[in-house]
């Protein structure tokens, strides 16, 4: 018998309590082990189109066998989406773009790719780890020791990004990769969640709840606190299972 993993996941998205348009998009390809959240930005619904363009690209790509090859295919899809968004912005004479946080799980490993301030968290052994680092002006202040993590949450420049898809001719996706453990729980989310829900609360919701319940409770918290931005979140739980190798009845012993 060989140990394997199966995945249980939940996805929720909400326009929030202030915005009139939901510019977030998401991808859920559970059978391929691919999930993503994109948070669009730009006027005249340009942000909605930008995030949708990224999601469309990730939904349509063929993921080859092998974790490294799958990761490369993901990057190529985002590169293609970046080119489309940049060219459309130039033709329209206005800037639009999107964040991206993507999770790919295959061959016993996970890769996280991201740009902007959408995040991926990992709950492992009851400890919450932020796998991504925001590409934002405020995060630069934190890295330079000019601002505390607590003050960064409410800083007026919190929405100013230093990197995003669709802004420049070339987009750089950061990457983090590791082995997947049984009972790992991942959270992908737009900043509409993390602006109003603390990491301690995220850890508490993910710890002892099924993905659907955790997602519903996290969204409920964001809405209770006024949800000034769109909120999108994906919870992915890795659960152990057992695969038994089947032997044909007519097989002869050697």
Foldseek 3Di string as FASTA:
>chain_A
DDKDKAKDKDKDWDQFQADPDQLKDKEDDRVQQKIKIKAKDWPPSLGNVLNVQLRVLVNPFDQDPDPVSNVVSNQVSLLVSLQVLQVVCVVVVTAMFIWMWMWGDDPQKIKIKIAAPWWKWKQDPLDIDTPDQHQFPLSVCVVVVNDPPVRLLPDPRVRGGNFTRNHDNDHDIDMDMDGDDAFMKMKTKDVLQVSQDPPVRLSVLSPPDRNVRSVVVSVVSSNVVRSNGMIIMMMMTMHMDDDDDDDDPPDDDD
